[in-house]
Amino acid sequence: MADKHAQKLNRLLRVRTLQLDMVRASEVAAHEKVAAEEALRRRIEQLAQGVAPSPAPTPGSATTLIAAAHYRERLQQSAQAAERRVAEAQRGLDTARDATREAKRDQTAIEKLIERAEANAATRAMRALEDMPAAAKKRL
């Protein structure tokens, strides 16, 4: 019976370890997504600064001014979308961190159950040895 219990605990530990590894991988992916979204947001900000209206505009055609205004508007929309994507990626990262913490807690619980089972088995073995009758000395 104890052997089946130990096998079951070992199988559970393997499963929990695999789950923990998978969750850690998803956390790394979430970190990478946040970094990529932040880089995109910074790049959009750089582009927006490049087309910002200057205090003393150089004389140009109305078409050029209209095109620059349209480009600034599009960049502003892209910047807002990038902010939303960064916030969403950050929420995904927080979710992944929580999942990692829960998976680690589950794995640790299984490890503690295995340690407790091993300690109980050792205690039972010691009691069995204590309860054994003393062996008589053989005389030749």
N, C-alpha and C. Protein backbone atom coordinates (compact mmCIF):
# COMPACT_ATOMS: atom_id res chain seq x y z
N MET A 1 0.83 -1.20 0.00
CA MET A 1 0.00 0.00 0.00
C MET A 1 0.87 1.25 0.00
N ALA A 2 1.89 1.26 0.84
CA ALA A 2 2.76 2.43 0.92
C ALA A 2 3.51 2.62 -0.39
N ASP A 3 3.83 1.49 -1.05
CA ASP A 3 4.56 1.58 -2.31
C ASP A 3 3.69 2.25 -3.38
N LYS A 4 2.41 1.91 -3.42
CA LYS A 4 1.49 2.53 -4.38
C LYS A 4 1.34 4.02 -4.08
N HIS A 5 1.29 4.33 -2.79
CA HIS A 5 1.17 5.73 -2.38
C HIS A 5 2.41 6.52 -2.81
N ALA A 6 3.58 5.93 -2.63
CA ALA A 6 4.82 6.59 -3.04
C ALA A 6 4.87 6.77 -4.56
N GLN A 7 4.42 5.76 -5.29
CA GLN A 7 4.39 5.88 -6.75
C GLN A 7 3.43 7.00 -7.18
N LYS A 8 2.30 7.06 -6.52
CA LYS A 8 1.32 8.09 -6.84
C LYS A 8 1.90 9.48 -6.56
N LEU A 9 2.57 9.63 -5.42
CA LEU A 9 3.17 10.92 -5.09
C LEU A 9 4.28 11.29 -6.07
N ASN A 10 5.08 10.31 -6.46
CA ASN A 10 6.15 10.59 -7.43
C ASN A 10 5.57 11.00 -8.79
N ARG A 11 4.50 10.35 -9.19
CA ARG A 11 3.84 10.70 -10.45
C ARG A 11 3.27 12.12 -10.36
N LEU A 12 2.65 12.44 -9.23
CA LEU A 12 2.13 13.79 -9.03
C LEU A 12 3.25 14.83 -9.06
N LEU A 13 4.38 14.49 -8.46
CA LEU A 13 5.51 15.41 -8.46
C LEU A 13 6.01 15.66 -9.88
N ARG A 14 6.09 14.59 -10.68
CA ARG A 14 6.53 14.77 -12.08
C ARG A 14 5.57 15.68 -12.84
N VAL A 15 4.27 15.46 -12.63
CA VAL A 15 3.26 16.28 -13.31
C VAL A 15 3.37 17.73 -12.86
N ARG A 16 3.48 17.94 -11.57
CA ARG A 16 3.57 19.32 -11.04
C ARG A 16 4.85 20.00 -11.51
N THR A 17 5.93 19.24 -11.62
CA THR A 17 7.18 19.82 -12.12
C THR A 17 7.04 20.22 -13.58
N LEU A 18 6.40 19.38 -14.38
CA LEU A 18 6.15 19.74 -15.78
C LEU A 18 5.25 20.97 -15.88
N GLN A 19 4.23 21.02 -15.05
CA GLN A 19 3.34 22.17 -15.06
C GLN A 19 4.09 23.44 -14.67
N LEU A 20 4.96 23.32 -13.67
CA LEU A 20 5.74 24.47 -13.23
C LEU A 20 6.65 24.95 -14.35
N ASP A 21 7.29 24.02 -15.05
CA ASP A 21 8.17 24.40 -16.17
C ASP A 21 7.38 25.10 -17.27
N MET A 22 6.19 24.60 -17.57
CA MET A 22 5.36 25.21 -18.60
C MET A 22 4.93 26.62 -18.19
N VAL A 23 4.57 26.77 -16.94
CA VAL A 23 4.12 28.08 -16.45
C VAL A 23 5.30 29.06 -16.44
N ARG A 24 6.47 28.58 -16.07
CA ARG A 24 7.65 29.45 -16.11
C ARG A 24 7.95 29.89 -17.54
N ALA A 25 7.79 28.98 -18.49
CA ALA A 25 8.01 29.33 -19.89
C ALA A 25 7.01 30.39 -20.35
N SER A 26 5.77 30.27 -19.91
CA SER A 26 4.78 31.27 -20.29
C SER A 26 5.07 32.61 -19.62
N GLU A 27 5.65 32.57 -18.43
CA GLU A 27 6.04 33.82 -17.76
C GLU A 27 7.17 34.51 -18.52
N VAL A 28 8.12 33.73 -18.99
CA VAL A 28 9.21 34.29 -19.80
C VAL A 28 8.65 34.91 -21.08
N ALA A 29 7.71 34.21 -21.71
CA ALA A 29 7.09 34.74 -22.92
C ALA A 29 6.35 36.05 -22.62
N ALA A 30 5.69 36.12 -21.46
CA ALA A 30 4.99 37.34 -21.08
C ALA A 30 5.98 38.48 -20.86
N HIS A 31 7.14 38.17 -20.24
CA HIS A 31 8.19 39.18 -20.07
C HIS A 31 8.64 39.71 -21.43
N GLU A 32 8.86 38.80 -22.37
CA GLU A 32 9.31 39.19 -23.70
C GLU A 32 8.25 40.04 -24.41
N LYS A 33 6.98 39.70 -24.23
CA LYS A 33 5.92 40.47 -24.86
C LYS A 33 5.88 41.88 -24.29
N VAL A 34 6.02 42.01 -22.98
CA VAL A 34 6.04 43.34 -22.37
C VAL A 34 7.21 44.15 -22.91
N ALA A 35 8.38 43.52 -23.00
CA ALA A 35 9.55 44.23 -23.52
C ALA A 35 9.34 44.67 -24.97
N ALA A 36 8.75 43.81 -25.78
CA ALA A 36 8.51 44.15 -27.19
C ALA A 36 7.51 45.29 -27.31
N GLU A 37 6.46 45.25 -26.51
CA GLU A 37 5.45 46.31 -26.57
C GLU A 37 6.03 47.64 -26.08
N GLU A 38 6.87 47.58 -25.06
CA GLU A 38 7.53 48.80 -24.56
C GLU A 38 8.45 49.37 -25.64
N ALA A 39 9.18 48.51 -26.33
CA ALA A 39 10.08 48.97 -27.40
C ALA A 39 9.27 49.62 -28.53
N LEU A 40 8.14 49.03 -28.87
CA LEU A 40 7.28 49.59 -29.91
C LEU A 40 6.75 50.96 -29.48
N ARG A 41 6.34 51.04 -28.23
CA ARG A 41 5.81 52.32 -27.71
C ARG A 41 6.90 53.40 -27.76
N ARG A 42 8.12 53.06 -27.36
CA ARG A 42 9.22 54.02 -27.40
C ARG A 42 9.52 54.45 -28.84
N ARG A 43 9.47 53.51 -29.78
CA ARG A 43 9.74 53.84 -31.18
C ARG A 43 8.68 54.77 -31.74
N ILE A 44 7.42 54.56 -31.38
CA ILE A 44 6.34 55.44 -31.83
C ILE A 44 6.54 56.84 -31.24
N GLU A 45 6.96 56.91 -29.97
CA GLU A 45 7.23 58.22 -29.36
C GLU A 45 8.36 58.94 -30.09
N GLN A 46 9.39 58.21 -30.48
CA GLN A 46 10.50 58.82 -31.22
C GLN A 46 10.01 59.36 -32.56
N LEU A 47 9.20 58.58 -33.25
CA LEU A 47 8.67 59.04 -34.53
C LEU A 47 7.79 60.28 -34.35
N ALA A 48 6.98 60.28 -33.29
CA ALA A 48 6.10 61.42 -33.04
C ALA A 48 6.92 62.67 -32.73
N GLN A 49 8.02 62.53 -32.03
CA GLN A 49 8.87 63.68 -31.75
C GLN A 49 9.53 64.20 -33.03
N GLY A 50 9.79 63.29 -33.96
CA GLY A 50 10.42 63.68 -35.21
C GLY A 50 9.52 64.51 -36.10
N VAL A 51 8.21 64.36 -35.97
CA VAL A 51 7.29 65.11 -36.81
C VAL A 51 6.51 66.16 -36.02
N ALA A 52 6.95 66.41 -34.81
CA ALA A 52 6.27 67.42 -34.00
C ALA A 52 6.42 68.77 -34.66
N PRO A 53 5.40 69.60 -34.55
CA PRO A 53 5.50 70.93 -35.18
C PRO A 53 6.60 71.74 -34.51
N SER A 54 7.36 72.44 -35.32
CA SER A 54 8.44 73.26 -34.78
C SER A 54 7.90 74.64 -34.45
N PRO A 55 8.55 75.36 -33.50
CA PRO A 55 8.04 76.67 -33.11
C PRO A 55 8.07 77.68 -34.26
N ALA A 56 9.08 77.59 -35.10
CA ALA A 56 9.16 78.51 -36.24
C ALA A 56 9.12 77.67 -37.50
N PRO A 57 7.93 77.38 -37.97
CA PRO A 57 7.84 76.48 -39.12
C PRO A 57 8.49 77.10 -40.36
N THR A 58 9.14 76.22 -41.07
CA THR A 58 9.74 76.66 -42.33
C THR A 58 8.62 76.81 -43.35
N PRO A 59 8.75 77.76 -44.24
CA PRO A 59 7.67 77.91 -45.21
C PRO A 59 7.54 76.67 -46.06
N GLY A 60 6.35 76.20 -46.22
CA GLY A 60 6.10 75.01 -47.03
C GLY A 60 4.70 75.07 -47.59
N SER A 61 4.41 74.13 -48.38
CA SER A 61 3.09 74.11 -49.01
C SER A 61 2.04 73.63 -48.01
N ALA A 62 0.82 73.93 -48.30
CA ALA A 62 -0.28 73.51 -47.44
C ALA A 62 -0.40 71.99 -47.44
N THR A 63 -0.07 71.39 -48.55
CA THR A 63 -0.14 69.93 -48.65
C THR A 63 0.84 69.29 -47.69
N THR A 64 2.02 69.87 -47.57
CA THR A 64 3.04 69.35 -46.66
C THR A 64 2.55 69.46 -45.22
N LEU A 65 1.96 70.60 -44.88
CA LEU A 65 1.45 70.79 -43.52
C LEU A 65 0.30 69.83 -43.23
N ILE A 66 -0.56 69.63 -44.20
CA ILE A 66 -1.69 68.70 -44.01
C ILE A 66 -1.17 67.27 -43.85
N ALA A 67 -0.20 66.90 -44.65
CA ALA A 67 0.37 65.55 -44.56
C ALA A 67 1.04 65.34 -43.21
N ALA A 68 1.78 66.34 -42.72
CA ALA A 68 2.44 66.23 -41.41
C ALA A 68 1.41 66.11 -40.29
N ALA A 69 0.33 66.89 -40.40
CA ALA A 69 -0.72 66.82 -39.38
C ALA A 69 -1.39 65.45 -39.39
N HIS A 70 -1.65 64.93 -40.59
CA HIS A 70 -2.24 63.59 -40.70
C HIS A 70 -1.31 62.54 -40.10
N TYR A 71 -0.02 62.64 -40.38
CA TYR A 71 0.97 61.70 -39.86
C TYR A 71 1.04 61.77 -38.34
N ARG A 72 0.99 63.01 -37.80
CA ARG A 72 1.00 63.17 -36.33
C ARG A 72 -0.24 62.53 -35.72
N GLU A 73 -1.39 62.72 -36.38
CA GLU A 73 -2.63 62.13 -35.86
C GLU A 73 -2.55 60.61 -35.86
N ARG A 74 -2.04 60.03 -36.94
CA ARG A 74 -1.88 58.58 -37.02
C ARG A 74 -0.91 58.07 -35.96
N LEU A 75 0.18 58.81 -35.76
CA LEU A 75 1.13 58.41 -34.73
C LEU A 75 0.51 58.49 -33.34
N GLN A 76 -0.34 59.49 -33.10
CA GLN A 76 -1.02 59.61 -31.81
C GLN A 76 -1.95 58.41 -31.60
N GLN A 77 -2.67 58.02 -32.64
CA GLN A 77 -3.53 56.84 -32.53
C GLN A 77 -2.70 55.59 -32.27
N SER A 78 -1.58 55.47 -32.95
CA SER A 78 -0.69 54.32 -32.74
C SER A 78 -0.13 54.33 -31.33
N ALA A 79 0.19 55.52 -30.82
CA ALA A 79 0.73 55.62 -29.46
C ALA A 79 -0.32 55.18 -28.44
N GLN A 80 -1.56 55.58 -28.65
CA GLN A 80 -2.63 55.16 -27.73
C GLN A 80 -2.83 53.65 -27.79
N ALA A 81 -2.81 53.11 -28.99
CA ALA A 81 -2.95 51.65 -29.13
C ALA A 81 -1.77 50.94 -28.48
N ALA A 82 -0.58 51.50 -28.61
CA ALA A 82 0.61 50.89 -27.99
C ALA A 82 0.49 50.92 -26.47
N GLU A 83 -0.04 52.00 -25.93
CA GLU A 83 -0.25 52.08 -24.47
C GLU A 83 -1.21 51.00 -24.01
N ARG A 84 -2.28 50.79 -24.78
CA ARG A 84 -3.24 49.73 -24.42
C ARG A 84 -2.58 48.36 -24.49
N ARG A 85 -1.76 48.13 -25.52
CA ARG A 85 -1.08 46.84 -25.65
C ARG A 85 -0.07 46.62 -24.52
N VAL A 86 0.61 47.69 -24.11
CA VAL A 86 1.55 47.57 -22.99
C VAL A 86 0.81 47.21 -21.71
N ALA A 87 -0.32 47.89 -21.48
CA ALA A 87 -1.12 47.59 -20.28
C ALA A 87 -1.63 46.15 -20.30
N GLU A 88 -2.09 45.71 -21.48
CA GLU A 88 -2.57 44.34 -21.61
C GLU A 88 -1.45 43.33 -21.39
N ALA A 89 -0.29 43.62 -21.95
CA ALA A 89 0.87 42.73 -21.77
C ALA A 89 1.28 42.69 -20.30
N GLN A 90 1.19 43.82 -19.61
CA GLN A 90 1.54 43.86 -18.19
C GLN A 90 0.55 43.03 -17.38
N ARG A 91 -0.74 43.10 -17.73
CA ARG A 91 -1.73 42.26 -17.04
C ARG A 91 -1.44 40.79 -17.29
N GLY A 92 -1.07 40.46 -18.54
CA GLY A 92 -0.70 39.07 -18.85
C GLY A 92 0.51 38.62 -18.05
N LEU A 93 1.47 39.52 -17.87
CA LEU A 93 2.65 39.19 -17.07
C LEU A 93 2.27 38.95 -15.61
N ASP A 94 1.40 39.80 -15.08
CA ASP A 94 0.95 39.61 -13.70
C ASP A 94 0.22 38.27 -13.54
N THR A 95 -0.60 37.93 -14.51
CA THR A 95 -1.31 36.65 -14.48
C THR A 95 -0.32 35.49 -14.52
N ALA A 96 0.70 35.61 -15.38
CA ALA A 96 1.71 34.56 -15.50
C ALA A 96 2.50 34.43 -14.20
N ARG A 97 2.80 35.54 -13.57
CA ARG A 97 3.52 35.48 -12.27
C ARG A 97 2.68 34.78 -11.22
N ASP A 98 1.37 35.10 -11.18
CA ASP A 98 0.48 34.43 -10.22
C ASP A 98 0.42 32.93 -10.49
N ALA A 99 0.34 32.57 -11.77
CA ALA A 99 0.28 31.14 -12.12
C ALA A 99 1.58 30.44 -11.73
N THR A 100 2.70 31.10 -11.91
CA THR A 100 3.98 30.51 -11.51
C THR A 100 4.03 30.31 -10.01
N ARG A 101 3.56 31.32 -9.28
CA ARG A 101 3.56 31.21 -7.81
C ARG A 101 2.66 30.05 -7.36
N GLU A 102 1.51 29.90 -7.99
CA GLU A 102 0.60 28.81 -7.62
C GLU A 102 1.19 27.45 -7.99
N ALA A 103 1.81 27.36 -9.15
CA ALA A 103 2.42 26.09 -9.57
C ALA A 103 3.57 25.72 -8.64
N LYS A 104 4.35 26.69 -8.22
CA LYS A 104 5.46 26.42 -7.30
C LYS A 104 4.91 25.97 -5.94
N ARG A 105 3.81 26.61 -5.51
CA ARG A 105 3.20 26.21 -4.24
C ARG A 105 2.69 24.77 -4.31
N ASP A 106 2.06 24.41 -5.44
CA ASP A 106 1.57 23.04 -5.61
C ASP A 106 2.71 22.03 -5.61
N GLN A 107 3.79 22.37 -6.32
CA GLN A 107 4.94 21.46 -6.37
C GLN A 107 5.56 21.30 -4.98
N THR A 108 5.68 22.39 -4.26
CA THR A 108 6.25 22.34 -2.92
C THR A 108 5.37 21.50 -1.99
N ALA A 109 4.07 21.60 -2.14
CA ALA A 109 3.16 20.79 -1.31
C ALA A 109 3.37 19.30 -1.58
N ILE A 110 3.53 18.92 -2.84
CA ILE A 110 3.77 17.51 -3.18
C ILE A 110 5.11 17.06 -2.60
N GLU A 111 6.13 17.92 -2.71
CA GLU A 111 7.44 17.57 -2.15
C GLU A 111 7.35 17.35 -0.65
N LYS A 112 6.57 18.18 0.04
CA LYS A 112 6.40 18.01 1.48
C LYS A 112 5.66 16.71 1.80
N LEU A 113 4.66 16.37 0.98
CA LEU A 113 3.95 15.10 1.19
C LEU A 113 4.90 13.91 1.01
N ILE A 114 5.77 14.00 0.01
CA ILE A 114 6.75 12.92 -0.20
C ILE A 114 7.69 12.82 0.98
N GLU A 115 8.18 13.96 1.47
CA GLU A 115 9.08 13.95 2.63
C GLU A 115 8.38 13.36 3.85
N ARG A 116 7.11 13.72 4.05
CA ARG A 116 6.36 13.20 5.19
C ARG A 116 6.16 11.70 5.06
N ALA A 117 5.87 11.22 3.84
CA ALA A 117 5.67 9.78 3.61
C ALA A 117 6.98 9.02 3.86
N GLU A 118 8.10 9.61 3.41
CA GLU A 118 9.40 8.95 3.64
C GLU A 118 9.72 8.91 5.13
N ALA A 119 9.42 9.98 5.85
CA ALA A 119 9.66 10.01 7.29
C ALA A 119 8.78 8.99 8.01
N ASN A 120 7.51 8.88 7.59
CA ASN A 120 6.62 7.89 8.19
C ASN A 120 7.10 6.47 7.90
N ALA A 121 7.59 6.23 6.68
CA ALA A 121 8.10 4.91 6.34
C ALA A 121 9.33 4.58 7.17
N ALA A 122 10.19 5.55 7.38
CA ALA A 122 11.39 5.32 8.20
C ALA A 122 10.99 5.03 9.64
N THR A 123 10.00 5.75 10.15
CA THR A 123 9.53 5.52 11.52
C THR A 123 8.93 4.13 11.65
N ARG A 124 8.13 3.72 10.66
CA ARG A 124 7.54 2.36 10.69
C ARG A 124 8.64 1.30 10.64
N ALA A 125 9.65 1.53 9.83
CA ALA A 125 10.74 0.55 9.73
C ALA A 125 11.50 0.46 11.06
N MET A 126 11.71 1.60 11.71
CA MET A 126 12.40 1.57 13.01
C MET A 126 11.56 0.83 14.05
N ARG A 127 10.26 1.07 14.05
CA ARG A 127 9.39 0.37 15.01
C ARG A 127 9.36 -1.13 14.73
N ALA A 128 9.38 -1.48 13.45
CA ALA A 128 9.39 -2.91 13.10
C ALA A 128 10.67 -3.56 13.59
N LEU A 129 11.78 -2.85 13.48
CA LEU A 129 13.05 -3.40 13.98
C LEU A 129 13.04 -3.52 15.50
N GLU A 130 12.44 -2.56 16.17
CA GLU A 130 12.36 -2.61 17.63
C GLU A 130 11.47 -3.74 18.10
N ASP A 131 10.43 -4.03 17.35
CA ASP A 131 9.48 -5.07 17.74
C ASP A 131 9.96 -6.48 17.41
N MET A 132 11.00 -6.60 16.64
CA MET A 132 11.50 -7.92 16.27
C MET A 132 12.08 -8.61 17.51
N PRO A 133 11.91 -9.91 17.58
CA PRO A 133 12.50 -10.61 18.73
C PRO A 133 14.03 -10.60 18.59
N ALA A 134 14.63 -10.64 19.73
CA ALA A 134 16.10 -10.64 19.73
C ALA A 134 16.60 -11.96 19.15
N ALA A 135 17.63 -11.88 18.40
CA ALA A 135 18.20 -13.08 17.79
C ALA A 135 19.09 -13.78 18.81
N ALA A 136 18.93 -15.10 18.93
CA ALA A 136 19.75 -15.86 19.86
C ALA A 136 21.12 -16.09 19.25
N LYS A 137 22.13 -16.08 20.09
CA LYS A 137 23.47 -16.32 19.60
C LYS A 137 23.63 -17.79 19.28
N LYS A 138 24.25 -18.08 18.22
CA LYS A 138 24.49 -19.47 17.84
C LYS A 138 25.79 -19.92 18.44
N ARG A 139 25.76 -21.10 19.03
CA ARG A 139 26.97 -21.64 19.61
C ARG A 139 27.43 -22.81 18.79
N LEU A 140 28.66 -22.85 18.57
CA LEU A 140 29.22 -23.94 17.81
C LEU A 140 29.75 -25.03 18.66
